[in-house]
Amino acid sequence: MKPFPIPVVGELPFTLEEEGPSLIVESPGDMAVFRMPARYTPTEPAHEQAACEVIERLLGALGAWKFGEADYPCLELDGLDAGSLRVLHETLGEGEVGARLGPRAEAQETAFAGIWWLRTLGPAGEVSSERLEACAIPEDVRRAARGKAGIDIPPATAGLMNAPALIAEIAERSARYRVDGTSHVINLTLLPVTPEDLEYLDATLGRGGVSLLSRGYGNCRITATAVDGVWWVQYFNASDKLILNTLEITGLPEAALAAPEDLADSVERLAECLAALREG
């Protein structure tokens, strides 16, 4: 991928907290490519058989489902014993997109794009329940991201240049999105904005209940604001330097979503993985 040919203006309006093991990654380098998840733990035949049965059920549900339909495949895993669940974890692995849904839930894409781990967390951050979902992005992410309809605009502060005009644009565009679904992107990297502008934008828009990290070419950090359908979408290079800073008015930014062709490819790879698991 070629570097973005744009100057960087301003810094992050906030630091994204990447809590939990699912969102901790090393510095990004080359583009992420699919690799079959490695398995290191010796397993019992019964555990492998149970994991195979889960994958078979998932493939069967995917075969009966059309991408984009609301009633997407969802498999609860609470009935699996620890050994079988460990085999399933090692078989499916973890992929490029992870999301924190408040303090007690997370979504993590498996190594197979469009197939997700959904986890409910206990008070100490332990996993209390888990399930698999196959879709562009889990509905729990959409629900957790819903915010308020309007923007409460505070008084202007010293040092502002373009923030008041940007807030007016965001208010108008977010209202339009709620009516007709028209998405809009504001590229802050290309605009003359001061640090005070960025602080004002962050304070005015507030923080929502969802933060995502998408790893591919570098890192893309996606954070819901408190305003419904308004997101920070920020791209960082291999040195963790901000190279593109945007606000998106949309249901969910495209960088977080699995595409139909991604999931179709995952179905093929998952079938290959199942065959390999059966062979031992």
Protein backbone atom coordinates (compact mmCIF):
# COMPACT_ATOMS: atom_id res chain seq x y z
CA MET A 1 0.00 0.00 0.00
CA LYS A 2 1.32 3.48 -0.85
CA PRO A 3 1.52 5.98 2.03
CA PHE A 4 -1.22 8.58 2.17
CA PRO A 5 0.09 11.64 0.24
CA ILE A 6 -1.35 14.12 2.72
CA PRO A 7 0.08 16.25 5.50
CA VAL A 8 -0.81 15.50 9.09
CA VAL A 9 -2.52 18.43 10.77
CA GLY A 10 -3.08 18.24 14.48
CA GLU A 11 -2.90 15.25 16.79
CA LEU A 12 -5.39 12.80 18.20
CA PRO A 13 -8.19 14.44 20.14
CA PHE A 14 -7.92 11.59 22.63
CA THR A 15 -6.08 8.37 23.31
CA LEU A 16 -8.04 5.22 22.52
CA GLU A 17 -7.87 2.77 25.39
CA GLU A 18 -7.38 -0.73 23.94
CA GLU A 19 -8.41 -2.75 26.92
CA GLY A 20 -8.30 -6.52 27.07
CA PRO A 21 -6.14 -9.11 25.30
CA SER A 22 -8.24 -9.15 22.15
CA LEU A 23 -7.23 -5.59 21.25
CA ILE A 24 -3.54 -5.65 22.18
CA VAL A 25 -1.42 -5.91 19.06
CA GLU A 26 2.20 -5.38 18.12
CA SER A 27 3.23 -2.54 15.83
CA PRO A 28 1.70 -3.18 12.41
CA GLY A 29 3.91 -3.92 9.43
CA ASP A 30 2.95 -5.47 6.13
CA MET A 31 -0.63 -6.08 5.11
CA ALA A 32 -2.31 -8.82 7.15
CA VAL A 33 -2.93 -11.97 5.12
CA PHE A 34 -4.84 -15.10 6.00
CA ARG A 35 -2.88 -17.83 7.75
CA MET A 36 -4.48 -20.98 9.04
CA PRO A 37 -4.46 -20.66 12.86
CA ALA A 38 -1.64 -22.63 14.47
CA ARG A 39 -2.51 -25.25 17.06
CA TYR A 40 -0.06 -26.08 19.80
CA THR A 41 -2.02 -27.79 22.56
CA PRO A 42 -2.30 -31.61 22.55
CA THR A 43 -5.97 -32.54 22.33
CA GLU A 44 -8.24 -35.44 23.13
CA PRO A 45 -10.24 -37.04 20.29
CA ALA A 46 -13.50 -36.20 22.07
CA HIS A 47 -12.55 -32.52 22.21
CA GLU A 48 -11.67 -32.45 18.52
CA GLN A 49 -14.94 -34.18 17.69
CA ALA A 50 -16.94 -31.61 19.66
CA ALA A 51 -15.13 -28.76 17.90
CA CYS A 52 -15.80 -30.42 14.53
CA GLU A 53 -19.50 -30.61 15.34
CA VAL A 54 -19.62 -26.87 16.12
CA ILE A 55 -17.89 -26.03 12.84
CA GLU A 56 -20.23 -28.38 10.94
CA ARG A 57 -23.24 -26.64 12.48
CA LEU A 58 -21.82 -23.25 11.59
CA LEU A 59 -21.15 -24.27 7.98
CA GLY A 60 -24.66 -25.72 7.74
CA ALA A 61 -26.19 -22.50 9.03
CA LEU A 62 -24.09 -20.44 6.62
CA GLY A 63 -25.22 -22.60 3.72
CA ALA A 64 -28.86 -21.80 4.54
CA TRP A 65 -28.30 -18.06 5.03
CA LYS A 66 -27.96 -15.25 2.49
CA PHE A 67 -25.47 -12.50 3.31
CA GLY A 68 -27.25 -9.40 4.60
CA GLU A 69 -30.30 -11.18 6.01
CA ALA A 70 -31.08 -10.10 9.55
CA ASP A 71 -31.37 -13.59 11.02
CA TYR A 72 -27.70 -14.50 10.66
CA PRO A 73 -26.06 -17.67 12.10
CA CYS A 74 -25.47 -17.58 15.86
CA LEU A 75 -24.15 -20.53 17.88
CA GLU A 76 -24.06 -20.50 21.67
CA LEU A 77 -20.96 -22.20 23.08
CA ASP A 78 -21.77 -22.35 26.79
CA GLY A 79 -22.41 -26.11 26.58
CA LEU A 80 -18.86 -26.92 25.47
CA ASP A 81 -16.36 -28.20 28.02
CA ALA A 82 -13.08 -26.36 28.47
CA GLY A 83 -11.06 -28.79 26.35
CA SER A 84 -13.42 -28.63 23.39
CA LEU A 85 -13.62 -24.85 23.63
CA ARG A 86 -9.83 -24.64 23.65
CA VAL A 87 -9.66 -26.69 20.43
CA LEU A 88 -12.26 -24.40 18.85
CA HIS A 89 -10.32 -21.30 19.92
CA GLU A 90 -7.08 -22.63 18.46
CA THR A 91 -8.82 -23.75 15.27
CA LEU A 92 -10.64 -20.48 14.56
CA GLY A 93 -8.04 -18.11 15.97
CA GLU A 94 -8.43 -14.34 16.04
CA GLY A 95 -8.45 -11.96 13.09
CA GLU A 96 -8.14 -8.30 12.19
CA VAL A 97 -11.11 -6.61 13.87
CA GLY A 98 -11.87 -6.40 17.58
CA ALA A 99 -14.42 -4.29 19.46
CA ARG A 100 -15.04 -3.28 23.04
CA LEU A 101 -18.74 -2.93 23.79
CA GLY A 102 -18.60 -1.17 27.12
CA PRO A 103 -16.96 -2.76 30.18
CA ARG A 104 -18.68 -6.15 30.04
CA ALA A 105 -18.70 -7.33 26.42
CA GLU A 106 -16.45 -7.66 23.40
CA ALA A 107 -16.60 -8.84 19.81
CA GLN A 108 -13.53 -10.30 18.12
CA GLU A 109 -13.35 -11.45 14.54
CA THR A 110 -11.91 -14.94 14.15
CA ALA A 111 -9.13 -15.63 11.64
CA PHE A 112 -12.01 -16.26 9.21
CA ALA A 113 -13.37 -12.86 8.15
CA GLY A 114 -17.05 -12.40 8.95
CA ILE A 115 -17.07 -15.05 11.70
CA TRP A 116 -16.99 -13.50 15.15
CA TRP A 117 -16.46 -14.40 18.78
CA LEU A 118 -19.00 -12.61 21.02
CA ARG A 119 -18.01 -12.61 24.68
CA THR A 120 -19.73 -11.48 27.85
CA LEU A 121 -17.25 -10.57 30.58
CA GLY A 122 -17.47 -10.92 34.33
CA PRO A 123 -16.46 -8.32 36.95
CA ALA A 124 -12.77 -9.24 36.70
CA GLY A 125 -12.76 -9.32 32.90
CA GLU A 126 -13.12 -13.08 32.71
CA VAL A 127 -15.24 -14.61 29.93
CA SER A 128 -18.57 -15.67 31.43
CA SER A 129 -20.29 -16.68 28.17
CA GLU A 130 -19.33 -16.97 24.53
CA ARG A 131 -20.92 -17.53 21.15
CA LEU A 132 -20.07 -17.50 17.44
CA GLU A 133 -21.83 -15.24 14.93
CA ALA A 134 -21.43 -15.00 11.15
CA CYS A 135 -22.27 -11.61 9.60
CA ALA A 136 -20.77 -8.34 8.39
CA ILE A 137 -20.58 -7.23 12.02
CA PRO A 138 -22.53 -8.45 15.06
CA GLU A 139 -25.78 -6.71 15.93
CA ASP A 140 -24.47 -6.22 19.48
CA VAL A 141 -21.93 -3.76 18.05
CA ARG A 142 -24.67 -1.79 16.30
CA ARG A 143 -26.82 -1.70 19.44
CA ALA A 144 -23.96 -0.63 21.70
CA ALA A 145 -23.04 2.19 19.31
CA ARG A 146 -26.45 3.87 19.33
CA GLY A 147 -26.24 7.35 20.75
CA LYS A 148 -28.32 10.47 21.15
CA ALA A 149 -29.98 12.10 18.15
CA GLY A 150 -28.84 15.69 18.61
CA ILE A 151 -25.71 17.63 19.52
CA ASP A 152 -25.53 19.86 22.59
CA ILE A 153 -23.26 22.68 21.46
CA PRO A 154 -21.20 24.31 24.24
CA PRO A 155 -19.97 27.92 24.11
CA ALA A 156 -16.96 28.56 21.88
CA THR A 157 -13.60 28.62 23.63
CA ALA A 158 -10.30 30.36 22.92
CA GLY A 159 -8.13 29.06 20.10
CA LEU A 160 -10.91 27.76 17.88
CA MET A 161 -10.61 28.06 14.10
CA ASN A 162 -12.92 25.63 12.29
CA ALA A 163 -14.57 23.60 15.06
CA PRO A 164 -17.85 25.60 15.22
CA ALA A 165 -18.36 25.25 11.45
CA LEU A 166 -17.49 21.54 11.63
CA ILE A 167 -20.00 20.97 14.43
CA ALA A 168 -22.68 22.68 12.33
CA GLU A 169 -21.79 20.43 9.38
CA ILE A 170 -21.87 17.30 11.56
CA ALA A 171 -25.26 18.28 13.02
CA GLU A 172 -26.72 18.85 9.54
CA ARG A 173 -25.23 15.69 8.05
CA SER A 174 -26.18 13.45 10.98
CA ALA A 175 -29.77 14.72 10.80
CA ARG A 176 -29.79 13.94 7.07
CA TYR A 177 -28.37 10.47 7.71
CA ARG A 178 -31.21 9.67 10.10
CA VAL A 179 -33.69 10.61 7.36
CA ASP A 180 -32.26 9.07 4.19
CA GLY A 181 -29.14 7.11 5.20
CA THR A 182 -26.69 9.33 3.29
CA SER A 183 -23.18 8.80 4.68
CA HIS A 184 -20.60 11.57 4.90
CA VAL A 185 -16.87 11.80 5.68
CA ILE A 186 -15.03 14.83 7.08
CA ASN A 187 -11.28 14.56 6.51
CA LEU A 188 -9.72 16.50 9.37
CA THR A 189 -6.21 15.75 8.10
CA LEU A 190 -6.78 18.02 5.11
CA LEU A 191 -8.35 20.85 7.11
CA PRO A 192 -6.67 23.65 9.06
CA VAL A 193 -7.59 22.71 12.62
CA THR A 194 -5.95 23.71 15.88
CA PRO A 195 -5.43 21.47 18.92
CA GLU A 196 -8.22 23.49 20.54
CA ASP A 197 -10.49 22.61 17.60
CA LEU A 198 -9.87 18.91 18.15
CA GLU A 199 -10.44 19.18 21.89
CA TYR A 200 -13.68 21.07 21.27
CA LEU A 201 -14.88 18.47 18.75
CA ASP A 202 -14.13 15.65 21.17
CA ALA A 203 -15.85 17.39 24.09
CA THR A 204 -18.90 18.35 22.02
CA LEU A 205 -19.41 14.96 20.36
CA GLY A 206 -18.62 12.99 23.51
CA ARG A 207 -17.75 9.30 23.75
CA GLY A 208 -19.98 6.40 22.82
CA GLY A 209 -20.07 2.80 23.96
CA VAL A 210 -17.99 1.16 21.19
CA SER A 211 -14.33 1.23 20.22
CA LEU A 212 -12.89 -0.95 17.46
CA LEU A 213 -9.43 -1.75 16.18
CA SER A 214 -9.07 -2.97 12.60
CA ARG A 215 -5.66 -4.30 11.64
CA GLY A 216 -4.65 -4.63 8.01
CA TYR A 217 -2.41 -1.99 6.49
CA GLY A 218 -1.35 -0.47 9.80
CA ASN A 219 -4.08 0.11 12.38
CA CYS A 220 -7.48 1.71 11.94
CA ARG A 221 -9.03 2.81 15.23
CA ILE A 222 -12.75 3.42 15.15
CA THR A 223 -14.58 5.03 18.06
CA ALA A 224 -18.26 5.83 18.42
CA THR A 225 -19.11 9.30 19.63
CA ALA A 226 -22.09 9.93 21.88
CA VAL A 227 -23.99 11.20 18.82
CA ASP A 228 -25.81 8.48 16.91
CA GLY A 229 -24.05 7.59 13.67
CA VAL A 230 -20.98 9.81 14.20
CA TRP A 231 -17.59 8.07 14.43
CA TRP A 232 -13.93 8.90 14.77
CA VAL A 233 -12.02 6.85 12.15
CA GLN A 234 -8.26 7.20 12.47
CA TYR A 235 -5.47 5.45 10.56
CA PHE A 236 -1.97 4.90 11.94
CA ASN A 237 1.19 3.73 10.19
CA ALA A 238 3.69 1.11 11.35
CA SER A 239 5.25 3.62 13.75
CA ASP A 240 1.83 4.33 15.31
CA LYS A 241 1.82 7.80 13.77
CA LEU A 242 -1.55 9.27 12.88
CA ILE A 243 -1.72 9.56 9.08
CA LEU A 244 -5.44 10.05 8.47
CA ASN A 245 -7.94 11.52 10.92
CA THR A 246 -11.60 11.56 9.92
CA LEU A 247 -15.11 11.84 11.28
CA GLU A 248 -17.65 9.60 9.55
CA ILE A 249 -21.41 9.98 9.65
CA THR A 250 -22.71 6.50 8.94
CA GLY A 251 -24.24 3.45 10.58
CA LEU A 252 -20.89 1.69 10.88
CA PRO A 253 -17.65 2.59 9.10
CA GLU A 254 -16.74 0.30 6.21
CA ALA A 255 -13.34 -0.46 7.75
CA ALA A 256 -15.07 -2.48 10.48
CA LEU A 257 -17.32 -4.56 8.22
CA ALA A 258 -16.75 -7.93 6.59
CA ALA A 259 -17.74 -7.92 2.91
CA PRO A 260 -19.79 -10.67 1.22
CA GLU A 261 -16.71 -11.93 -0.63
CA ASP A 262 -14.79 -12.07 2.67
CA LEU A 263 -17.37 -14.36 4.22
CA ALA A 264 -17.64 -16.49 1.07
CA ASP A 265 -13.87 -17.00 1.19
CA SER A 266 -14.09 -17.82 4.89
CA VAL A 267 -16.66 -20.54 4.22
CA GLU A 268 -14.26 -22.23 1.79
CA ARG A 269 -11.32 -21.96 4.18
CA LEU A 270 -13.41 -23.13 7.12
CA ALA A 271 -14.44 -26.24 5.19
CA GLU A 272 -10.75 -26.93 4.49
CA CYS A 273 -9.97 -26.38 8.16
CA LEU A 274 -12.72 -28.82 9.17
CA ALA A 275 -11.31 -31.48 6.85
CA ALA A 276 -7.83 -30.99 8.33
CA LEU A 277 -9.20 -31.18 11.87
CA ARG A 278 -10.98 -34.44 11.10
CA GLU A 279 -7.76 -35.91 9.74
CA GLY A 280 -6.02 -35.03 12.97
